[in-house]
Amino acid sequence: MLRLYPKPDLGNANGGSIFYMIKSYFFQVFVCGRSFFMQKTKAAMAIQVLPSITDNKELVRVVDKVIENISKKGLRYEVSAFETTIDGDIDTLLQILKESLEICIQEGAPSLMSYIKINYNPTDGVLGIEEKTEKHKKHT
């Protein structure tokens, strides 16, 4: 059971953001009367798969299959030009890593290289994608 500390006053949730701590690393953010639940990120992974395919169109098709699989997991992720970053729990991230390698081979790559970065802190959690990148994004 989740309990809010202190008990929120929903009638007071106006234009600003009000943060409440919730038991078990949950917090609830009230913005204009709406609430969003988020769990503290325990791990983050950046993955780059490089299938040994010389045809660029085929290479992109295989990498797109990997990204499609990641998108179906329901985790926060961000695709960039050289890698995809994913926030989640360590077991799910390692499963995604394994699936990503297998997808490349199943889609016709004879072999591949993969570069992985993992940030893991099971006790205090890690900074998530938004916390690391939001201030650097251009908002137009």
N, C-alpha and C. Protein backbone atom coordinates (compact mmCIF):
# COMPACT_ATOMS: atom_id res chain seq x y z
N MET A 1 0.83 -1.18 0.00
CA MET A 1 0.00 0.00 0.00
C MET A 1 0.87 1.24 0.00
N LEU A 2 0.55 2.19 -0.86
CA LEU A 2 1.30 3.43 -0.93
C LEU A 2 0.64 4.47 -0.06
N ARG A 3 1.43 5.22 0.66
CA ARG A 3 0.92 6.30 1.48
C ARG A 3 1.66 7.58 1.14
N LEU A 4 0.95 8.66 1.03
CA LEU A 4 1.56 9.95 0.75
C LEU A 4 1.97 10.62 2.05
N TYR A 5 3.15 11.24 2.06
CA TYR A 5 3.63 11.99 3.21
C TYR A 5 4.04 13.37 2.72
N PRO A 6 3.51 14.49 3.15
CA PRO A 6 2.28 14.59 3.92
C PRO A 6 1.08 14.39 3.02
N LYS A 7 -0.09 14.27 3.58
CA LYS A 7 -1.30 14.10 2.79
C LYS A 7 -1.49 15.33 1.90
N PRO A 8 -1.69 15.12 0.58
CA PRO A 8 -1.78 16.26 -0.33
C PRO A 8 -3.09 17.01 -0.20
N ASP A 9 -3.02 18.30 -0.45
CA ASP A 9 -4.20 19.13 -0.52
C ASP A 9 -4.47 19.41 -1.99
N LEU A 10 -5.32 18.58 -2.61
CA LEU A 10 -5.56 18.68 -4.04
C LEU A 10 -6.17 20.02 -4.43
N GLY A 11 -6.89 20.65 -3.54
CA GLY A 11 -7.47 21.95 -3.84
C GLY A 11 -6.41 23.03 -3.97
N ASN A 12 -5.20 22.73 -3.54
CA ASN A 12 -4.11 23.70 -3.56
C ASN A 12 -3.14 23.46 -4.72
N ALA A 13 -3.41 22.46 -5.58
CA ALA A 13 -2.48 22.13 -6.68
C ALA A 13 -2.72 23.07 -7.84
N ASN A 14 -2.17 24.26 -7.77
CA ASN A 14 -2.35 25.23 -8.83
C ASN A 14 -1.19 25.17 -9.81
N GLY A 15 -0.89 26.25 -10.50
CA GLY A 15 0.09 26.25 -11.58
C GLY A 15 1.47 25.71 -11.26
N GLY A 16 1.88 25.68 -10.01
CA GLY A 16 3.21 25.20 -9.68
C GLY A 16 3.26 23.70 -9.52
N SER A 17 4.42 23.17 -9.23
CA SER A 17 4.58 21.74 -8.98
C SER A 17 4.76 21.52 -7.49
N ILE A 18 4.06 20.53 -6.95
CA ILE A 18 4.17 20.19 -5.53
C ILE A 18 4.63 18.74 -5.46
N PHE A 19 5.72 18.49 -4.76
CA PHE A 19 6.28 17.15 -4.70
C PHE A 19 5.98 16.49 -3.36
N TYR A 20 5.62 15.24 -3.39
CA TYR A 20 5.36 14.46 -2.18
C TYR A 20 6.17 13.18 -2.22
N MET A 21 6.74 12.83 -1.10
CA MET A 21 7.46 11.57 -1.00
C MET A 21 6.45 10.45 -0.78
N ILE A 22 6.63 9.35 -1.44
CA ILE A 22 5.77 8.20 -1.28
C ILE A 22 6.64 7.02 -0.90
N LYS A 23 6.13 6.21 -0.01
CA LYS A 23 6.86 5.05 0.47
C LYS A 23 7.31 4.19 -0.71
N SER A 24 8.40 3.49 -0.56
CA SER A 24 8.96 2.55 -1.54
C SER A 24 9.45 3.24 -2.80
N TYR A 25 10.15 4.36 -2.69
CA TYR A 25 10.75 5.09 -3.80
C TYR A 25 9.74 5.59 -4.83
N PHE A 26 8.49 5.71 -4.46
CA PHE A 26 7.51 6.31 -5.35
C PHE A 26 7.32 7.76 -4.94
N PHE A 27 7.09 8.59 -5.91
CA PHE A 27 6.68 9.94 -5.58
C PHE A 27 5.58 10.34 -6.54
N GLN A 28 4.79 11.27 -6.10
CA GLN A 28 3.70 11.74 -6.93
C GLN A 28 3.91 13.22 -7.15
N VAL A 29 3.79 13.62 -8.40
CA VAL A 29 3.97 15.01 -8.76
C VAL A 29 2.60 15.57 -9.12
N PHE A 30 2.22 16.66 -8.48
CA PHE A 30 0.96 17.31 -8.82
C PHE A 30 1.27 18.54 -9.65
N VAL A 31 0.80 18.54 -10.87
CA VAL A 31 0.98 19.68 -11.76
C VAL A 31 -0.39 20.03 -12.29
N CYS A 32 -0.88 21.17 -11.93
CA CYS A 32 -2.20 21.64 -12.38
C CYS A 32 -3.28 20.59 -12.08
N GLY A 33 -3.21 19.94 -10.94
CA GLY A 33 -4.25 18.99 -10.55
C GLY A 33 -4.10 17.61 -11.14
N ARG A 34 -3.09 17.35 -11.99
CA ARG A 34 -2.89 16.02 -12.56
C ARG A 34 -1.76 15.34 -11.81
N SER A 35 -1.80 14.01 -11.73
CA SER A 35 -0.73 13.29 -11.04
C SER A 35 -0.09 12.27 -11.97
N PHE A 36 1.18 12.06 -11.77
CA PHE A 36 1.96 11.11 -12.55
C PHE A 36 2.77 10.27 -11.57
N PHE A 37 2.71 8.93 -11.71
CA PHE A 37 3.49 8.07 -10.83
C PHE A 37 4.75 7.62 -11.55
N MET A 38 5.86 7.68 -10.84
CA MET A 38 7.13 7.26 -11.40
C MET A 38 7.89 6.48 -10.33
N GLN A 39 8.57 5.43 -10.72
CA GLN A 39 9.39 4.67 -9.79
C GLN A 39 10.83 5.12 -9.95
N LYS A 40 11.55 5.21 -8.86
CA LYS A 40 12.95 5.60 -8.91
C LYS A 40 13.71 4.61 -9.79
N THR A 41 14.47 5.11 -10.73
CA THR A 41 15.23 4.29 -11.66
C THR A 41 16.40 3.62 -10.94
N LYS A 42 16.45 2.30 -11.01
CA LYS A 42 17.52 1.54 -10.36
C LYS A 42 18.70 1.31 -11.29
N ALA A 43 18.44 1.35 -12.61
CA ALA A 43 19.51 1.08 -13.57
C ALA A 43 19.21 1.81 -14.88
N ALA A 44 20.26 2.08 -15.61
CA ALA A 44 20.15 2.67 -16.93
C ALA A 44 21.17 1.97 -17.83
N MET A 45 20.80 1.78 -19.08
CA MET A 45 21.70 1.12 -20.02
C MET A 45 21.70 1.88 -21.34
N ALA A 46 22.87 2.05 -21.90
CA ALA A 46 23.00 2.57 -23.26
C ALA A 46 23.51 1.41 -24.10
N ILE A 47 22.82 1.15 -25.20
CA ILE A 47 23.20 0.02 -26.06
C ILE A 47 23.39 0.49 -27.49
N GLN A 48 24.46 0.03 -28.09
CA GLN A 48 24.74 0.27 -29.51
C GLN A 48 24.99 -1.10 -30.14
N VAL A 49 24.20 -1.46 -31.14
CA VAL A 49 24.45 -2.70 -31.86
C VAL A 49 25.00 -2.35 -33.23
N LEU A 50 26.02 -3.07 -33.64
CA LEU A 50 26.68 -2.85 -34.93
C LEU A 50 26.72 -4.17 -35.69
N PRO A 51 25.62 -4.52 -36.37
CA PRO A 51 25.61 -5.76 -37.15
C PRO A 51 26.65 -5.67 -38.27
N SER A 52 27.31 -6.76 -38.55
CA SER A 52 28.32 -6.76 -39.62
C SER A 52 27.62 -6.93 -40.98
N ILE A 53 26.94 -5.87 -41.38
CA ILE A 53 26.21 -5.83 -42.65
C ILE A 53 26.73 -4.61 -43.41
N THR A 54 27.10 -4.81 -44.67
CA THR A 54 27.69 -3.72 -45.44
C THR A 54 26.67 -2.81 -46.11
N ASP A 55 25.49 -3.34 -46.45
CA ASP A 55 24.45 -2.54 -47.08
C ASP A 55 23.78 -1.65 -46.04
N ASN A 56 23.85 -0.34 -46.24
CA ASN A 56 23.32 0.60 -45.24
C ASN A 56 21.82 0.44 -45.01
N LYS A 57 21.03 0.22 -46.08
CA LYS A 57 19.59 0.05 -45.91
C LYS A 57 19.28 -1.18 -45.05
N GLU A 58 20.00 -2.25 -45.29
CA GLU A 58 19.80 -3.48 -44.52
C GLU A 58 20.26 -3.28 -43.08
N LEU A 59 21.36 -2.58 -42.89
CA LEU A 59 21.86 -2.28 -41.55
C LEU A 59 20.82 -1.50 -40.74
N VAL A 60 20.25 -0.48 -41.33
CA VAL A 60 19.23 0.33 -40.66
C VAL A 60 18.00 -0.52 -40.36
N ARG A 61 17.61 -1.40 -41.28
CA ARG A 61 16.44 -2.26 -41.06
C ARG A 61 16.64 -3.14 -39.83
N VAL A 62 17.82 -3.72 -39.69
CA VAL A 62 18.10 -4.60 -38.55
C VAL A 62 18.12 -3.80 -37.25
N VAL A 63 18.77 -2.65 -37.25
CA VAL A 63 18.81 -1.82 -36.04
C VAL A 63 17.40 -1.35 -35.68
N ASP A 64 16.59 -1.04 -36.67
CA ASP A 64 15.20 -0.65 -36.42
C ASP A 64 14.41 -1.77 -35.74
N LYS A 65 14.71 -3.02 -36.09
CA LYS A 65 14.04 -4.16 -35.42
C LYS A 65 14.42 -4.21 -33.94
N VAL A 66 15.67 -3.91 -33.65
CA VAL A 66 16.12 -3.88 -32.25
C VAL A 66 15.39 -2.78 -31.49
N ILE A 67 15.31 -1.59 -32.09
CA ILE A 67 14.63 -0.47 -31.45
C ILE A 67 13.14 -0.76 -31.28
N GLU A 68 12.54 -1.41 -32.25
CA GLU A 68 11.12 -1.80 -32.16
C GLU A 68 10.90 -2.70 -30.95
N ASN A 69 11.81 -3.65 -30.73
CA ASN A 69 11.70 -4.54 -29.57
C ASN A 69 11.81 -3.75 -28.27
N ILE A 70 12.74 -2.82 -28.21
CA ILE A 70 12.91 -1.99 -27.02
C ILE A 70 11.64 -1.19 -26.74
N SER A 71 11.04 -0.66 -27.79
CA SER A 71 9.85 0.18 -27.61
C SER A 71 8.66 -0.60 -27.05
N LYS A 72 8.62 -1.90 -27.26
CA LYS A 72 7.52 -2.74 -26.77
C LYS A 72 7.63 -3.08 -25.28
N LYS A 73 8.73 -2.73 -24.65
CA LYS A 73 8.97 -3.11 -23.26
C LYS A 73 8.29 -2.20 -22.25
N GLY A 74 7.82 -1.04 -22.68
CA GLY A 74 7.13 -0.14 -21.78
C GLY A 74 8.05 0.64 -20.85
N LEU A 75 9.33 0.71 -21.17
CA LEU A 75 10.29 1.45 -20.36
C LEU A 75 10.57 2.81 -21.00
N ARG A 76 11.10 3.72 -20.21
CA ARG A 76 11.55 4.99 -20.78
C ARG A 76 12.81 4.71 -21.59
N TYR A 77 12.83 5.22 -22.83
CA TYR A 77 14.01 5.05 -23.66
C TYR A 77 14.16 6.24 -24.58
N GLU A 78 15.37 6.44 -25.06
CA GLU A 78 15.65 7.55 -25.97
C GLU A 78 16.63 7.06 -27.03
N VAL A 79 16.25 7.24 -28.28
CA VAL A 79 17.09 6.85 -29.41
C VAL A 79 17.91 8.05 -29.83
N SER A 80 19.21 7.86 -29.98
CA SER A 80 20.07 8.91 -30.53
C SER A 80 20.82 8.33 -31.72
N ALA A 81 21.67 9.11 -32.32
CA ALA A 81 22.34 8.70 -33.55
C ALA A 81 23.24 7.48 -33.38
N PHE A 82 23.82 7.31 -32.19
CA PHE A 82 24.79 6.22 -32.01
C PHE A 82 24.38 5.15 -31.02
N GLU A 83 23.37 5.41 -30.20
CA GLU A 83 22.97 4.43 -29.20
C GLU A 83 21.56 4.72 -28.72
N THR A 84 20.99 3.75 -28.04
CA THR A 84 19.69 3.91 -27.41
C THR A 84 19.88 3.76 -25.91
N THR A 85 19.34 4.71 -25.15
CA THR A 85 19.44 4.69 -23.70
C THR A 85 18.10 4.25 -23.13
N ILE A 86 18.14 3.38 -22.12
CA ILE A 86 16.93 2.81 -21.54
C ILE A 86 17.04 2.88 -20.02
N ASP A 87 15.96 3.32 -19.35
CA ASP A 87 15.87 3.30 -17.89
C ASP A 87 15.02 2.10 -17.49
N GLY A 88 15.43 1.39 -16.42
CA GLY A 88 14.62 0.27 -15.96
C GLY A 88 15.29 -0.50 -14.84
N ASP A 89 14.79 -1.69 -14.60
CA ASP A 89 15.42 -2.55 -13.60
C ASP A 89 16.49 -3.39 -14.30
N ILE A 90 17.47 -3.81 -13.56
CA ILE A 90 18.64 -4.48 -14.13
C ILE A 90 18.27 -5.76 -14.87
N ASP A 91 17.35 -6.54 -14.34
CA ASP A 91 16.99 -7.81 -14.99
C ASP A 91 16.37 -7.56 -16.37
N THR A 92 15.47 -6.59 -16.45
CA THR A 92 14.84 -6.28 -17.73
C THR A 92 15.86 -5.73 -18.73
N LEU A 93 16.76 -4.88 -18.26
CA LEU A 93 17.77 -4.32 -19.16
C LEU A 93 18.70 -5.41 -19.70
N LEU A 94 19.10 -6.34 -18.86
CA LEU A 94 19.96 -7.43 -19.33
C LEU A 94 19.22 -8.34 -20.30
N GLN A 95 17.92 -8.53 -20.08
CA GLN A 95 17.11 -9.32 -21.02
C GLN A 95 17.02 -8.59 -22.37
N ILE A 96 16.85 -7.28 -22.34
CA ILE A 96 16.82 -6.49 -23.58
C ILE A 96 18.14 -6.60 -24.31
N LEU A 97 19.24 -6.57 -23.58
CA LEU A 97 20.57 -6.73 -24.18
C LEU A 97 20.65 -8.05 -24.94
N LYS A 98 20.28 -9.12 -24.26
CA LYS A 98 20.33 -10.46 -24.88
C LYS A 98 19.43 -10.51 -26.12
N GLU A 99 18.20 -10.01 -26.00
CA GLU A 99 17.27 -10.02 -27.12
C GLU A 99 17.79 -9.19 -28.29
N SER A 100 18.44 -8.08 -27.99
CA SER A 100 18.98 -7.22 -29.05
C SER A 100 20.04 -7.94 -29.88
N LEU A 101 20.90 -8.67 -29.21
CA LEU A 101 21.93 -9.43 -29.92
C LEU A 101 21.29 -10.53 -30.76
N GLU A 102 20.32 -11.23 -30.18
CA GLU A 102 19.65 -12.32 -30.90
C GLU A 102 18.87 -11.81 -32.11
N ILE A 103 18.22 -10.65 -31.97
CA ILE A 103 17.47 -10.08 -33.09
C ILE A 103 18.38 -9.80 -34.28
N CYS A 104 19.55 -9.25 -34.01
CA CYS A 104 20.49 -8.96 -35.10
C CYS A 104 20.85 -10.22 -35.88
N ILE A 105 21.11 -11.30 -35.18
CA ILE A 105 21.47 -12.56 -35.84
C ILE A 105 20.25 -13.13 -36.57
N GLN A 106 19.08 -13.11 -35.93
CA GLN A 106 17.86 -13.63 -36.56
C GLN A 106 17.50 -12.85 -37.82
N GLU A 107 17.84 -11.57 -37.85
CA GLU A 107 17.51 -10.73 -39.00
C GLU A 107 18.57 -10.79 -40.10
N GLY A 108 19.56 -11.66 -39.94
CA GLY A 108 20.49 -11.89 -41.04
C GLY A 108 21.91 -11.42 -40.86
N ALA A 109 22.24 -10.79 -39.75
CA ALA A 109 23.63 -10.38 -39.53
C ALA A 109 24.46 -11.62 -39.21
N PRO A 110 25.57 -11.84 -39.93
CA PRO A 110 26.40 -13.01 -39.63
C PRO A 110 27.09 -12.89 -38.26
N SER A 111 27.35 -11.65 -37.85
CA SER A 111 27.94 -11.37 -36.54
C SER A 111 27.66 -9.91 -36.22
N LEU A 112 28.05 -9.50 -35.02
CA LEU A 112 27.86 -8.10 -34.65
C LEU A 112 28.78 -7.73 -33.51
N MET A 113 28.98 -6.44 -33.38
CA MET A 113 29.66 -5.87 -32.23
C MET A 113 28.61 -5.09 -31.47
N SER A 114 28.75 -5.01 -30.16
CA SER A 114 27.81 -4.23 -29.36
C SER A 114 28.59 -3.53 -28.26
N TYR A 115 28.24 -2.27 -28.05
CA TYR A 115 28.86 -1.49 -26.99
C TYR A 115 27.77 -1.16 -25.97
N ILE A 116 28.04 -1.48 -24.71
CA ILE A 116 27.06 -1.37 -23.65
C ILE A 116 27.63 -0.52 -22.52
N LYS A 117 26.80 0.36 -21.99
CA LYS A 117 27.13 1.10 -20.77
C LYS A 117 25.98 0.85 -19.81
N ILE A 118 26.31 0.46 -18.58
CA ILE A 118 25.27 0.21 -17.58
C ILE A 118 25.62 0.99 -16.31
N ASN A 119 24.62 1.71 -15.81
CA ASN A 119 24.73 2.41 -14.53
C ASN A 119 23.72 1.73 -13.61
N TYR A 120 24.19 1.20 -12.48
CA TYR A 120 23.33 0.40 -11.60
C TYR A 120 23.57 0.77 -10.15
N ASN A 121 22.50 1.11 -9.45
CA ASN A 121 22.56 1.38 -8.02
C ASN A 121 21.25 0.89 -7.41
N PRO A 122 21.23 -0.35 -6.90
CA PRO A 122 19.98 -0.92 -6.40
C PRO A 122 19.44 -0.25 -5.13
N THR A 123 20.28 0.46 -4.41
CA THR A 123 19.86 1.09 -3.17
C THR A 123 19.29 2.49 -3.38
N ASP A 124 20.07 3.35 -3.97
CA ASP A 124 19.68 4.75 -4.11
C ASP A 124 19.16 5.11 -5.49
N GLY A 125 19.27 4.21 -6.44
CA GLY A 125 18.83 4.49 -7.80
C GLY A 125 19.86 5.31 -8.56
N VAL A 126 19.56 5.56 -9.82
CA VAL A 126 20.45 6.32 -10.70
C VAL A 126 19.67 7.46 -11.33
N LEU A 127 20.38 8.40 -11.89
CA LEU A 127 19.71 9.48 -12.62
C LEU A 127 19.10 8.91 -13.89
N GLY A 128 17.87 9.30 -14.17
CA GLY A 128 17.18 8.82 -15.36
C GLY A 128 17.49 9.69 -16.57
N ILE A 129 16.95 9.30 -17.70
CA ILE A 129 17.19 10.00 -18.96
C ILE A 129 16.84 11.47 -18.84
N GLU A 130 15.62 11.78 -18.36
CA GLU A 130 15.18 13.17 -18.29
C GLU A 130 16.06 13.99 -17.37
N GLU A 131 16.45 13.42 -16.24
CA GLU A 131 17.27 14.14 -15.29
C GLU A 131 18.64 14.50 -15.87
N LYS A 132 19.13 13.68 -16.78
CA LYS A 132 20.44 13.93 -17.38
C LYS A 132 20.38 14.85 -18.59
N THR A 133 19.28 14.79 -19.34
CA THR A 133 19.28 15.44 -20.65
C THR A 133 18.30 16.59 -20.84
N GLU A 134 17.26 16.69 -20.04
CA GLU A 134 16.19 17.66 -20.29
C GLU A 134 16.70 19.09 -20.42
N LYS A 135 17.63 19.48 -19.58
CA LYS A 135 18.11 20.87 -19.61
C LYS A 135 18.89 21.19 -20.88
N HIS A 136 19.34 20.15 -21.61
CA HIS A 136 20.12 20.38 -22.82
C HIS A 136 19.29 20.35 -24.09
N LYS A 137 18.02 19.96 -23.98
CA LYS A 137 17.17 19.87 -25.16
C LYS A 137 16.66 21.23 -25.55
N LYS A 138 16.61 21.47 -26.85
CA LYS A 138 16.06 22.72 -27.35
C LYS A 138 14.56 22.59 -27.44
N HIS A 139 13.86 23.52 -26.85
CA HIS A 139 12.40 23.53 -26.89
C HIS A 139 11.98 24.64 -27.85
N THR A 140 11.36 24.21 -28.94
CA THR A 140 10.93 25.22 -29.92
C THR A 140 9.43 25.26 -30.04
